[in-house]
Amino acid sequence: MASSIRSLFRLDRRGALPFTLAATMVLAACGGGSDAPEGEAPAQAAAPAQGGDMIIVSGAAGELGGLVVDQLLDRGVAASRLILVSSTPDDLRQYASMGASTRQGNLSQPASLQAAYEGGDRMLLISLDEGENRAELHINAIEAAVAAGVEHIAYTSIVNAPDNGSELAADHVQTEQFLQESGVAWTFLRTSLFMDSLVDRAIDMIFEGLVESSEQGASYVTRYDVARAAAAVLTTDGHENMAYDITGPSVVRPQDLAQALVEATEMSVRVVDGDGAGGGMLAEPSFQIVSDDVQQLTGQAPMSILDLLMNNHDEIMAGTGA
């Protein structure tokens, strides 16, 4: 069925996103979309998954992939139950030494994927960075996983996907729609913009000494918290055909970043009134949605912007020469 509907979801790429001053706070994002009925986050932790399930992480050598693998191990998943797939499997040697199966699989080389996914029951498909034919590459992975007998695919998508009007959402909407029609159980981890990018922005802010206030911002979330949520979905039951918005605990605007930065470093950053200029990616209201799904999935609240800056205090101070 999956291959028969592939052509329905091939859309032309849109133009490059405009960058505003506020948008320089954004370096990376996940996303996705669907207009099918969605479930709500469970009120309590789901039942543990069956102990024998083999778990695939597709994209395991990336920044998010490595964090997911570590979270799975921290949750007590035996390395022997992990199938770690990457176009650069040599980067996964540390996990191979623990007993994980590390395999070569390149989304642009579909013939490599079915064998890479063989034997897996549950899979996390980590979305690629924005690029040409991204949705088609995701579809390659889904088709191969279905052919390999994978029963449940979780996919890192974009916050509020069905109604997210940003150009980041288009590829993820196609991927979600295709996955819903694939015949396997699915879970969408609809992720807000990555908070990790704000560490570099904080360093720049200290050098500049001031920042313009703005009503635009985002419910930034750390990769670490995305990884925790993904590991929870992969290791507990009850997430089939569910969609979760994976966000931080609050909206972070430029003045919020400045306030947290002063508190974390005791450096001086002056906030001045902005000129009211809008537009750009952060003008999309979906990025200001705040969800408690991370808390519900993991039992622990996501990091705040102050938490992030405190955790990266030494890097920030070194970056500013202080």
C-alpha atoms as a PDB file:
ATOM      1  CA  MET A   1       0.000   0.000   0.000  1.00  0.00           C
ATOM      2  CA  ALA A   2       2.787   2.435   0.925  1.00  0.00           C
ATOM      3  CA  SER A   3       4.397   2.440  -2.509  1.00  0.00           C
ATOM      4  CA  SER A   4       1.047   2.837  -4.257  1.00  0.00           C
ATOM      5  CA  ILE A   5       0.358   6.161  -2.570  1.00  0.00           C
ATOM      6  CA  ARG A   6       3.875   7.637  -2.735  1.00  0.00           C
ATOM      7  CA  SER A   7       3.001   9.900  -5.660  1.00  0.00           C
ATOM      8  CA  LEU A   8       0.194  11.578  -3.702  1.00  0.00           C
ATOM      9  CA  PHE A   9       2.687  13.260  -1.407  1.00  0.00           C
ATOM     10  CA  ARG A  10       5.334  14.645  -3.762  1.00  0.00           C
ATOM     11  CA  LEU A  11       5.114  18.420  -3.548  1.00  0.00           C
ATOM     12  CA  ASP A  12       7.463  21.013  -4.947  1.00  0.00           C
ATOM     13  CA  ARG A  13       9.929  22.592  -2.511  1.00  0.00           C
ATOM     14  CA  ARG A  14       9.174  26.117  -1.417  1.00  0.00           C
ATOM     15  CA  GLY A  15      11.601  29.023  -1.441  1.00  0.00           C
ATOM     16  CA  ALA A  16      14.060  29.799   1.333  1.00  0.00           C
ATOM     17  CA  LEU A  17      12.731  31.196   4.604  1.00  0.00           C
ATOM     18  CA  PRO A  18      13.221  34.920   5.227  1.00  0.00           C
ATOM     19  CA  PHE A  19      15.427  35.701   8.207  1.00  0.00           C
ATOM     20  CA  THR A  20      14.521  38.534  10.585  1.00  0.00           C
ATOM     21  CA  LEU A  21      16.426  39.699  13.643  1.00  0.00           C
ATOM     22  CA  ALA A  22      14.211  37.533  15.844  1.00  0.00           C
ATOM     23  CA  ALA A  23      14.725  34.544  13.566  1.00  0.00           C
ATOM     24  CA  THR A  24      18.467  34.587  14.167  1.00  0.00           C
ATOM     25  CA  MET A  25      17.560  32.943  17.477  1.00  0.00           C
ATOM     26  CA  VAL A  26      16.614  29.828  15.494  1.00  0.00           C
ATOM     27  CA  LEU A  27      19.238  27.423  14.141  1.00  0.00           C
ATOM     28  CA  ALA A  28      17.313  24.164  13.931  1.00  0.00           C
ATOM     29  CA  ALA A  29      13.826  22.707  14.144  1.00  0.00           C
ATOM     30  CA  CYS A  30      11.873  19.496  13.881  1.00  0.00           C
ATOM     31  CA  GLY A  31       8.345  19.303  12.453  1.00  0.00           C
ATOM     32  CA  GLY A  32       5.451  17.510  10.761  1.00  0.00           C
ATOM     33  CA  GLY A  33       1.708  17.393  10.112  1.00  0.00           C
ATOM     34  CA  SER A  34      -1.541  15.433   9.771  1.00  0.00           C
ATOM     35  CA  ASP A  35      -5.254  16.114   9.628  1.00  0.00           C
ATOM     36  CA  ALA A  36      -6.324  12.710  10.949  1.00  0.00           C
ATOM     37  CA  PRO A  37      -7.957  12.443  14.407  1.00  0.00           C
ATOM     38  CA  GLU A  38      -5.372  12.558  17.180  1.00  0.00           C
ATOM     39  CA  GLY A  39      -5.226  11.184  20.702  1.00  0.00           C
ATOM     40  CA  GLU A  40      -4.360  13.188  23.783  1.00  0.00           C
ATOM     41  CA  ALA A  41      -1.346  12.647  26.006  1.00  0.00           C
ATOM     42  CA  PRO A  42      -1.953  10.020  28.685  1.00  0.00           C
ATOM     43  CA  ALA A  43      -2.617  11.315  32.197  1.00  0.00           C
ATOM     44  CA  GLN A  44      -0.030   8.922  33.625  1.00  0.00           C
ATOM     45  CA  ALA A  45       2.885   6.835  32.476  1.00  0.00           C
ATOM     46  CA  ALA A  46       1.936   4.067  30.063  1.00  0.00           C
ATOM     47  CA  ALA A  47       2.547   0.388  30.742  1.00  0.00           C
ATOM     48  CA  PRO A  48       6.085  -0.861  30.067  1.00  0.00           C
ATOM     49  CA  ALA A  49       6.678  -2.249  26.602  1.00  0.00           C
ATOM     50  CA  GLN A  50       7.266  -5.933  26.103  1.00  0.00           C
ATOM     51  CA  GLY A  51      10.804  -6.815  27.073  1.00  0.00           C
ATOM     52  CA  GLY A  52      11.644  -8.591  23.844  1.00  0.00           C
ATOM     53  CA  ASP A  53      10.872  -5.788  21.416  1.00  0.00           C
ATOM     54  CA  MET A  54      13.751  -4.858  19.149  1.00  0.00           C
ATOM     55  CA  ILE A  55      14.077  -1.080  18.851  1.00  0.00           C
ATOM     56  CA  ILE A  56      15.440   0.671  15.757  1.00  0.00           C
ATOM     57  CA  VAL A  57      16.848   4.202  15.895  1.00  0.00           C
ATOM     58  CA  SER A  58      17.135   5.485  12.336  1.00  0.00           C
ATOM     59  CA  GLY A  59      19.596   8.368  12.350  1.00  0.00           C
ATOM     60  CA  ALA A  60      21.364   7.096  15.454  1.00  0.00           C
ATOM     61  CA  ALA A  61      24.691   8.836  14.766  1.00  0.00           C
ATOM     62  CA  GLY A  62      23.198  12.338  14.781  1.00  0.00           C
ATOM     63  CA  GLU A  63      23.038  14.678  17.770  1.00  0.00           C
ATOM     64  CA  LEU A  64      19.469  13.722  18.649  1.00  0.00           C
ATOM     65  CA  GLY A  65      20.001  10.062  17.756  1.00  0.00           C
ATOM     66  CA  GLY A  66      22.878   9.672  20.184  1.00  0.00           C
ATOM     67  CA  LEU A  67      20.848  11.225  22.986  1.00  0.00           C
ATOM     68  CA  VAL A  68      17.959   8.848  22.262  1.00  0.00           C
ATOM     69  CA  VAL A  69      20.262   5.820  22.403  1.00  0.00           C
ATOM     70  CA  ASP A  70      21.673   6.999  25.728  1.00  0.00           C
ATOM     71  CA  GLN A  71      18.174   7.487  27.113  1.00  0.00           C
ATOM     72  CA  LEU A  72      17.149   4.008  26.020  1.00  0.00           C
ATOM     73  CA  LEU A  73      20.148   2.535  27.786  1.00  0.00           C
ATOM     74  CA  ASP A  74      19.412   4.637  30.879  1.00  0.00           C
ATOM     75  CA  ARG A  75      15.884   3.192  30.872  1.00  0.00           C
ATOM     76  CA  GLY A  76      17.362  -0.288  31.146  1.00  0.00           C
ATOM     77  CA  VAL A  77      16.995  -1.366  27.519  1.00  0.00           C
ATOM     78  CA  ALA A  78      19.688  -3.945  26.827  1.00  0.00           C
ATOM     79  CA  ALA A  79      22.091  -2.892  24.089  1.00  0.00           C
ATOM     80  CA  SER A  80      21.361  -6.231  22.415  1.00  0.00           C
ATOM     81  CA  ARG A  81      17.799  -5.006  21.790  1.00  0.00           C
ATOM     82  CA  LEU A  82      18.990  -1.961  19.825  1.00  0.00           C
ATOM     83  CA  ILE A  83      19.325  -1.728  16.045  1.00  0.00           C
ATOM     84  CA  LEU A  84      21.176   1.503  15.311  1.00  0.00           C
ATOM     85  CA  VAL A  85      21.062   2.671  11.711  1.00  0.00           C
ATOM     86  CA  SER A  86      23.160   5.421  10.172  1.00  0.00           C
ATOM     87  CA  SER A  87      24.826   6.325   6.910  1.00  0.00           C
ATOM     88  CA  THR A  88      28.028   6.440   9.016  1.00  0.00           C
ATOM     89  CA  PRO A  89      27.825   3.341  11.245  1.00  0.00           C
ATOM     90  CA  ASP A  90      31.492   3.648  12.220  1.00  0.00           C
ATOM     91  CA  ASP A  91      30.377   6.565  14.396  1.00  0.00           C
ATOM     92  CA  LEU A  92      28.392   4.080  16.498  1.00  0.00           C
ATOM     93  CA  ARG A  93      31.318   1.889  17.548  1.00  0.00           C
ATOM     94  CA  GLN A  94      30.855   2.637  21.255  1.00  0.00           C
ATOM     95  CA  TYR A  95      27.362   1.128  21.125  1.00  0.00           C
ATOM     96  CA  ALA A  96      28.500  -1.833  19.021  1.00  0.00           C
ATOM     97  CA  SER A  97      31.011  -2.640  21.755  1.00  0.00           C
ATOM     98  CA  MET A  98      28.094  -2.836  24.205  1.00  0.00           C
ATOM     99  CA  GLY A  99      26.260  -5.349  22.014  1.00  0.00           C
ATOM    100  CA  ALA A 100      24.045  -3.124  19.868  1.00  0.00           C
ATOM    101  CA  SER A 101      23.590  -3.993  16.199  1.00  0.00           C
ATOM    102  CA  THR A 102      24.970  -1.090  14.158  1.00  0.00           C
ATOM    103  CA  ARG A 103      24.006  -1.036  10.499  1.00  0.00           C
ATOM    104  CA  GLN A 104      24.579   1.048   7.400  1.00  0.00           C
ATOM    105  CA  GLY A 105      21.452   2.611   5.987  1.00  0.00           C
ATOM    106  CA  ASN A 106      21.203   5.685   3.784  1.00  0.00           C
ATOM    107  CA  LEU A 107      17.794   7.217   3.142  1.00  0.00           C
ATOM    108  CA  SER A 108      18.943   8.298  -0.311  1.00  0.00           C
ATOM    109  CA  GLN A 109      19.833   4.670  -1.104  1.00  0.00           C
ATOM    110  CA  PRO A 110      16.541   2.788  -0.566  1.00  0.00           C
ATOM    111  CA  ALA A 111      18.106  -0.580  -1.344  1.00  0.00           C
ATOM    112  CA  SER A 112      20.205  -0.272   1.820  1.00  0.00           C
ATOM    113  CA  LEU A 113      17.290   0.264   4.163  1.00  0.00           C
ATOM    114  CA  GLN A 114      15.199  -2.916   4.332  1.00  0.00           C
ATOM    115  CA  ALA A 115      18.142  -5.032   5.447  1.00  0.00           C
ATOM    116  CA  ALA A 116      19.104  -2.312   7.937  1.00  0.00           C
ATOM    117  CA  TYR A 117      15.661  -2.438   9.532  1.00  0.00           C
ATOM    118  CA  GLU A 118      15.208  -6.242   9.480  1.00  0.00           C
ATOM    119  CA  GLY A 119      14.322  -7.737  12.853  1.00  0.00           C
ATOM    120  CA  GLY A 120      13.030  -4.514  14.357  1.00  0.00           C
ATOM    121  CA  ASP A 121       9.631  -4.186  16.045  1.00  0.00           C
ATOM    122  CA  ARG A 122       9.554  -0.480  16.938  1.00  0.00           C
ATOM    123  CA  MET A 123      11.381   2.296  15.151  1.00  0.00           C
ATOM    124  CA  LEU A 124      12.195   5.944  15.705  1.00  0.00           C
ATOM    125  CA  LEU A 125      12.573   7.779  12.406  1.00  0.00           C
ATOM    126  CA  ILE A 126      14.466  10.994  13.113  1.00  0.00           C
ATOM    127  CA  SER A 127      13.591  13.598  10.524  1.00  0.00           C
ATOM    128  CA  LEU A 128      16.378  14.906   8.352  1.00  0.00           C
ATOM    129  CA  ASP A 129      17.573  18.490   8.419  1.00  0.00           C
ATOM    130  CA  GLU A 130      15.777  20.653   5.898  1.00  0.00           C
ATOM    131  CA  GLY A 131      16.911  19.892   2.363  1.00  0.00           C
ATOM    132  CA  GLU A 132      15.814  18.939  -1.104  1.00  0.00           C
ATOM    133  CA  ASN A 133      13.543  15.865  -1.353  1.00  0.00           C
ATOM    134  CA  ARG A 134      13.413  15.474   2.419  1.00  0.00           C
ATOM    135  CA  ALA A 135       9.867  14.074   2.444  1.00  0.00           C
ATOM    136  CA  GLU A 136      10.758  11.561  -0.278  1.00  0.00           C
ATOM    137  CA  LEU A 137      13.719  10.365   1.774  1.00  0.00           C
ATOM    138  CA  HIS A 138      11.486   9.917   4.819  1.00  0.00           C
ATOM    139  CA  ILE A 139       9.076   7.922   2.658  1.00  0.00           C
ATOM    140  CA  ASN A 140      11.971   5.683   1.566  1.00  0.00           C
ATOM    141  CA  ALA A 141      12.542   4.844   5.226  1.00  0.00           C
ATOM    142  CA  ILE A 142       8.868   4.170   5.929  1.00  0.00           C
ATOM    143  CA  GLU A 143       8.484   1.880   2.913  1.00  0.00           C
ATOM    144  CA  ALA A 144      11.587  -0.078   3.886  1.00  0.00           C
ATOM    145  CA  ALA A 145      10.462  -0.403   7.509  1.00  0.00           C
ATOM    146  CA  VAL A 146       7.039  -1.686   6.428  1.00  0.00           C
ATOM    147  CA  ALA A 147       8.689  -4.210   4.108  1.00  0.00           C
ATOM    148  CA  ALA A 148      10.988  -5.310   6.949  1.00  0.00           C
ATOM    149  CA  GLY A 149       8.031  -6.014   9.226  1.00  0.00           C
ATOM    150  CA  VAL A 150       8.351  -3.079  11.638  1.00  0.00           C
ATOM    151  CA  GLU A 151       5.060  -2.721  13.524  1.00  0.00           C
ATOM    152  CA  HIS A 152       5.294   0.759  15.051  1.00  0.00           C
ATOM    153  CA  ILE A 153       7.088   3.874  13.754  1.00  0.00           C
ATOM    154  CA  ALA A 154       7.585   7.023  15.814  1.00  0.00           C
ATOM    155  CA  TYR A 155       8.530  10.115  13.826  1.00  0.00           C
ATOM    156  CA  THR A 156      10.004  13.439  14.944  1.00  0.00           C
ATOM    157  CA  SER A 157       7.682  16.044  13.496  1.00  0.00           C
ATOM    158  CA  ILE A 158       6.829  19.738  14.029  1.00  0.00           C
ATOM    159  CA  VAL A 159       4.739  21.375  16.720  1.00  0.00           C
ATOM    160  CA  ASN A 160       1.019  21.767  15.906  1.00  0.00           C
ATOM    161  CA  ALA A 161       1.630  20.163  12.542  1.00  0.00           C
ATOM    162  CA  PRO A 162      -1.877  20.217  11.051  1.00  0.00           C
ATOM    163  CA  ASP A 163      -2.172  23.987  11.499  1.00  0.00           C
ATOM    164  CA  ASN A 164       1.467  25.057  11.390  1.00  0.00           C
ATOM    165  CA  GLY A 165       1.763  27.577   8.564  1.00  0.00           C
ATOM    166  CA  SER A 166       5.554  27.792   8.495  1.00  0.00           C
ATOM    167  CA  GLU A 167       7.452  26.538   5.480  1.00  0.00           C
ATOM    168  CA  LEU A 168       9.293  24.150   7.790  1.00  0.00           C
ATOM    169  CA  ALA A 169       6.082  22.147   8.127  1.00  0.00           C
ATOM    170  CA  ALA A 170       5.431  21.074   4.523  1.00  0.00           C
ATOM    171  CA  ASP A 171       7.824  18.093   4.369  1.00  0.00           C
ATOM    172  CA  HIS A 172       6.658  16.815   7.725  1.00  0.00           C
ATOM    173  CA  VAL A 173       3.005  17.064   6.759  1.00  0.00           C
ATOM    174  CA  GLN A 174       3.727  14.844   3.746  1.00  0.00           C
ATOM    175  CA  THR A 175       5.663  12.383   5.885  1.00  0.00           C
ATOM    176  CA  GLU A 176       2.933  12.148   8.516  1.00  0.00           C
ATOM    177  CA  GLN A 177       0.246  11.610   5.892  1.00  0.00           C
ATOM    178  CA  PHE A 178       2.260   8.871   4.234  1.00  0.00           C
ATOM    179  CA  LEU A 179       2.990   7.169   7.549  1.00  0.00           C
ATOM    180  CA  GLN A 180      -0.685   7.191   8.464  1.00  0.00           C
ATOM    181  CA  GLU A 181      -1.484   5.399   5.213  1.00  0.00           C
ATOM    182  CA  SER A 182       1.357   2.875   5.565  1.00  0.00           C
ATOM    183  CA  GLY A 183      -0.574   0.319   7.607  1.00  0.00           C
ATOM    184  CA  VAL A 184       1.718   0.385  10.662  1.00  0.00           C
ATOM    185  CA  ALA A 185       1.034   1.996  14.026  1.00  0.00           C
ATOM    186  CA  TRP A 186       2.492   5.493  14.263  1.00  0.00           C
ATOM    187  CA  THR A 187       3.381   8.104  16.853  1.00  0.00           C
ATOM    188  CA  PHE A 188       4.175  11.723  16.042  1.00  0.00           C
ATOM    189  CA  LEU A 189       6.595  13.592  18.286  1.00  0.00           C
ATOM    190  CA  ARG A 190       5.713  17.084  17.088  1.00  0.00           C
ATOM    191  CA  THR A 191       8.694  19.040  18.247  1.00  0.00           C
ATOM    192  CA  SER A 192       9.135  22.766  18.746  1.00  0.00           C
ATOM    193  CA  LEU A 193      12.324  24.594  17.789  1.00  0.00           C
ATOM    194  CA  PHE A 194      15.513  23.383  19.456  1.00  0.00           C
ATOM    195  CA  MET A 195      16.481  25.428  22.488  1.00  0.00           C
ATOM    196  CA  ASP A 196      20.119  24.315  22.186  1.00  0.00           C
ATOM    197  CA  SER A 197      20.655  26.935  19.473  1.00  0.00           C
ATOM    198  CA  LEU A 198      20.074  29.700  22.027  1.00  0.00           C
ATOM    199  CA  VAL A 199      23.429  29.073  23.702  1.00  0.00           C
ATOM    200  CA  ASP A 200      25.230  30.662  20.749  1.00  0.00           C
ATOM    201  CA  ARG A 201      22.621  33.411  20.628  1.00  0.00           C
ATOM    202  CA  ALA A 202      23.253  34.107  24.320  1.00  0.00           C
ATOM    203  CA  ILE A 203      26.980  34.517  23.681  1.00  0.00           C
ATOM    204  CA  ASP A 204      26.252  36.968  20.871  1.00  0.00           C
ATOM    205  CA  MET A 205      23.847  38.834  23.117  1.00  0.00           C
ATOM    206  CA  ILE A 206      26.540  39.391  25.734  1.00  0.00           C
ATOM    207  CA  PHE A 207      28.918  40.765  23.094  1.00  0.00           C
ATOM    208  CA  GLU A 208      26.222  43.079  21.760  1.00  0.00           C
ATOM    209  CA  GLY A 209      25.242  44.219  25.244  1.00  0.00           C
ATOM    210  CA  LEU A 210      21.607  44.766  24.375  1.00  0.00           C
ATOM    211  CA  VAL A 211      18.624  43.170  22.716  1.00  0.00           C
ATOM    212  CA  GLU A 212      15.379  44.477  21.258  1.00  0.00           C
ATOM    213  CA  SER A 213      12.226  43.210  22.905  1.00  0.00           C
ATOM    214  CA  SER A 214       9.692  41.377  20.783  1.00  0.00           C
ATOM    215  CA  GLU A 215       6.376  39.597  21.151  1.00  0.00           C
ATOM    216  CA  GLN A 216       7.685  36.891  18.844  1.00  0.00           C
ATOM    217  CA  GLY A 217       9.225  33.805  20.378  1.00  0.00           C
ATOM    218  CA  ALA A 218       8.925  30.048  20.592  1.00  0.00           C
ATOM    219  CA  SER A 219       8.345  27.261  23.085  1.00  0.00           C
ATOM    220  CA  TYR A 220      11.923  26.073  22.524  1.00  0.00           C
ATOM    221  CA  VAL A 221      12.745  22.556  23.737  1.00  0.00           C
ATOM    222  CA  THR A 222      16.129  20.911  24.256  1.00  0.00           C
ATOM    223  CA  ARG A 223      17.258  17.923  22.235  1.00  0.00           C
ATOM    224  CA  TYR A 224      17.733  16.170  25.568  1.00  0.00           C
ATOM    225  CA  ASP A 225      14.031  16.502  26.361  1.00  0.00           C
ATOM    226  CA  VAL A 226      13.043  15.384  22.867  1.00  0.00           C
ATOM    227  CA  ALA A 227      15.249  12.332  23.391  1.00  0.00           C
ATOM    228  CA  ARG A 228      13.611  11.595  26.747  1.00  0.00           C
ATOM    229  CA  ALA A 229      10.160  11.780  25.183  1.00  0.00           C
ATOM    230  CA  ALA A 230      11.194   9.566  22.271  1.00  0.00           C
ATOM    231  CA  ALA A 231      12.694   6.957  24.603  1.00  0.00           C
ATOM    232  CA  ALA A 232       9.493   6.922  26.632  1.00  0.00           C
ATOM    233  CA  VAL A 233       7.399   6.267  23.522  1.00  0.00           C
ATOM    234  CA  LEU A 234       9.737   3.502  22.380  1.00  0.00           C
ATOM    235  CA  THR A 235       9.760   1.694  25.733  1.00  0.00           C
ATOM    236  CA  THR A 236       6.163   1.979  26.937  1.00  0.00           C
ATOM    237  CA  ASP A 237       2.839   0.908  25.460  1.00  0.00           C
ATOM    238  CA  GLY A 238      -0.202   3.011  24.693  1.00  0.00           C
ATOM    239  CA  HIS A 239       1.241   5.452  22.147  1.00  0.00           C
ATOM    240  CA  GLU A 240      -0.087   3.878  18.972  1.00  0.00           C
ATOM    241  CA  ASN A 241      -1.664   6.410  16.600  1.00  0.00           C
ATOM    242  CA  MET A 242      -1.046   9.269  19.027  1.00  0.00           C
ATOM    243  CA  ALA A 243       0.424  12.727  18.413  1.00  0.00           C
ATOM    244  CA  TYR A 244       2.321  14.709  21.054  1.00  0.00           C
ATOM    245  CA  ASP A 245       3.503  18.316  20.985  1.00  0.00           C
ATOM    246  CA  ILE A 246       7.022  18.250  22.428  1.00  0.00           C
ATOM    247  CA  THR A 247       7.751  21.741  23.750  1.00  0.00           C
ATOM    248  CA  GLY A 248       9.602  23.534  26.480  1.00  0.00           C
ATOM    249  CA  PRO A 249       7.799  24.864  29.579  1.00  0.00           C
ATOM    250  CA  SER A 250       7.249  28.407  28.297  1.00  0.00           C
ATOM    251  CA  VAL A 251       7.585  30.740  25.344  1.00  0.00           C
ATOM    252  CA  VAL A 252      11.039  32.318  25.116  1.00  0.00           C
ATOM    253  CA  ARG A 253      11.247  35.771  23.549  1.00  0.00           C
ATOM    254  CA  PRO A 254      14.441  37.828  23.177  1.00  0.00           C
ATOM    255  CA  GLN A 255      13.829  39.654  26.459  1.00  0.00           C
ATOM    256  CA  ASP A 256      13.204  36.339  28.241  1.00  0.00           C
ATOM    257  CA  LEU A 257      16.520  35.011  26.982  1.00  0.00           C
ATOM    258  CA  ALA A 258      18.234  38.196  28.166  1.00  0.00           C
ATOM    259  CA  GLN A 259      16.670  37.975  31.633  1.00  0.00           C
ATOM    260  CA  ALA A 260      17.709  34.336  32.039  1.00  0.00           C
ATOM    261  CA  LEU A 261      21.192  35.142  30.742  1.00  0.00           C
ATOM    262  CA  VAL A 262      21.701  37.904  33.306  1.00  0.00           C
ATOM    263  CA  GLU A 263      20.537  35.547  36.057  1.00  0.00           C
ATOM    264  CA  ALA A 264      22.780  32.706  34.897  1.00  0.00           C
ATOM    265  CA  THR A 265      25.960  34.724  34.274  1.00  0.00           C
ATOM    266  CA  GLU A 266      25.536  38.042  36.135  1.00  0.00           C
ATOM    267  CA  MET A 267      26.633  39.695  32.905  1.00  0.00           C
ATOM    268  CA  SER A 268      24.884  42.853  31.742  1.00  0.00           C
ATOM    269  CA  VAL A 269      22.392  42.780  28.875  1.00  0.00           C
ATOM    270  CA  ARG A 270      20.112  45.763  28.313  1.00  0.00           C
ATOM    271  CA  VAL A 271      16.633  45.270  26.853  1.00  0.00           C
ATOM    272  CA  VAL A 272      15.381  48.061  24.606  1.00  0.00           C
ATOM    273  CA  ASP A 273      12.013  48.478  22.967  1.00  0.00           C
ATOM    274  CA  GLY A 274      11.792  46.832  19.560  1.00  0.00           C
ATOM    275  CA  ASP A 275      10.612  48.676  16.475  1.00  0.00           C
ATOM    276  CA  GLY A 276       7.586  46.418  16.063  1.00  0.00           C
ATOM    277  CA  ALA A 277       8.905  44.776  12.899  1.00  0.00           C
ATOM    278  CA  GLY A 278       7.356  41.346  12.418  1.00  0.00           C
ATOM    279  CA  GLY A 279       7.490  38.545   9.937  1.00  0.00           C
ATOM    280  CA  GLY A 280       9.771  35.568   9.585  1.00  0.00           C
ATOM    281  CA  MET A 281       9.446  32.095  11.062  1.00  0.00           C
ATOM    282  CA  LEU A 282       8.764  33.237  14.624  1.00  0.00           C
ATOM    283  CA  ALA A 283       5.646  35.059  13.452  1.00  0.00           C
ATOM    284  CA  GLU A 284       3.983  31.636  13.140  1.00  0.00           C
ATOM    285  CA  PRO A 285       1.693  31.236  16.198  1.00  0.00           C
ATOM    286  CA  SER A 286       2.236  27.463  16.334  1.00  0.00           C
ATOM    287  CA  PHE A 287       5.720  28.001  17.737  1.00  0.00           C
ATOM    288  CA  GLN A 288       4.203  29.643  20.827  1.00  0.00           C
ATOM    289  CA  ILE A 289       2.119  26.611  21.785  1.00  0.00           C
ATOM    290  CA  VAL A 290       3.154  25.208  25.168  1.00  0.00           C
ATOM    291  CA  SER A 291       2.327  21.576  25.950  1.00  0.00           C
ATOM    292  CA  ASP A 292       2.837  19.387  29.012  1.00  0.00           C
ATOM    293  CA  ASP A 293       3.367  16.266  26.898  1.00  0.00           C
ATOM    294  CA  VAL A 294       7.034  15.919  27.907  1.00  0.00           C
ATOM    295  CA  GLN A 295       5.979  15.880  31.557  1.00  0.00           C
ATOM    296  CA  GLN A 296       3.193  13.396  30.853  1.00  0.00           C
ATOM    297  CA  LEU A 297       5.424  11.053  28.842  1.00  0.00           C
ATOM    298  CA  THR A 298       8.477  11.104  31.091  1.00  0.00           C
ATOM    299  CA  GLY A 299       7.268  12.166  34.535  1.00  0.00           C
ATOM    300  CA  GLN A 300       9.731  15.074  34.514  1.00  0.00           C
ATOM    301  CA  ALA A 301       9.268  18.645  33.325  1.00  0.00           C
ATOM    302  CA  PRO A 302      11.363  19.832  30.359  1.00  0.00           C
ATOM    303  CA  MET A 303      14.289  22.189  30.829  1.00  0.00           C
ATOM    304  CA  SER A 304      13.637  25.911  31.043  1.00  0.00           C
ATOM    305  CA  ILE A 305      15.812  28.466  29.297  1.00  0.00           C
ATOM    306  CA  LEU A 306      17.456  29.216  32.659  1.00  0.00           C
ATOM    307  CA  ASP A 307      18.216  25.511  33.112  1.00  0.00           C
ATOM    308  CA  LEU A 308      19.859  25.412  29.698  1.00  0.00           C
ATOM    309  CA  LEU A 309      22.009  28.481  30.331  1.00  0.00           C
ATOM    310  CA  MET A 310      23.063  27.256  33.777  1.00  0.00           C
ATOM    311  CA  ASN A 311      24.012  23.871  32.314  1.00  0.00           C
ATOM    312  CA  ASN A 312      26.118  25.650  29.674  1.00  0.00           C
ATOM    313  CA  HIS A 313      27.502  28.346  31.960  1.00  0.00           C
ATOM    314  CA  ASP A 314      31.164  27.516  31.391  1.00  0.00           C
ATOM    315  CA  GLU A 315      30.760  27.394  27.608  1.00  0.00           C
ATOM    316  CA  ILE A 316      29.010  30.759  27.612  1.00  0.00           C
ATOM    317  CA  MET A 317      31.639  32.391  29.783  1.00  0.00           C
ATOM    318  CA  ALA A 318      34.453  30.932  27.690  1.00  0.00           C
ATOM    319  CA  GLY A 319      32.747  32.117  24.527  1.00  0.00           C
ATOM    320  CA  THR A 320      32.607  35.659  25.808  1.00  0.00           C
ATOM    321  CA  GLY A 321      36.175  35.632  27.098  1.00  0.00           C
ATOM    322  CA  ALA A 322      34.976  36.368  30.632  1.00  0.00           C
END
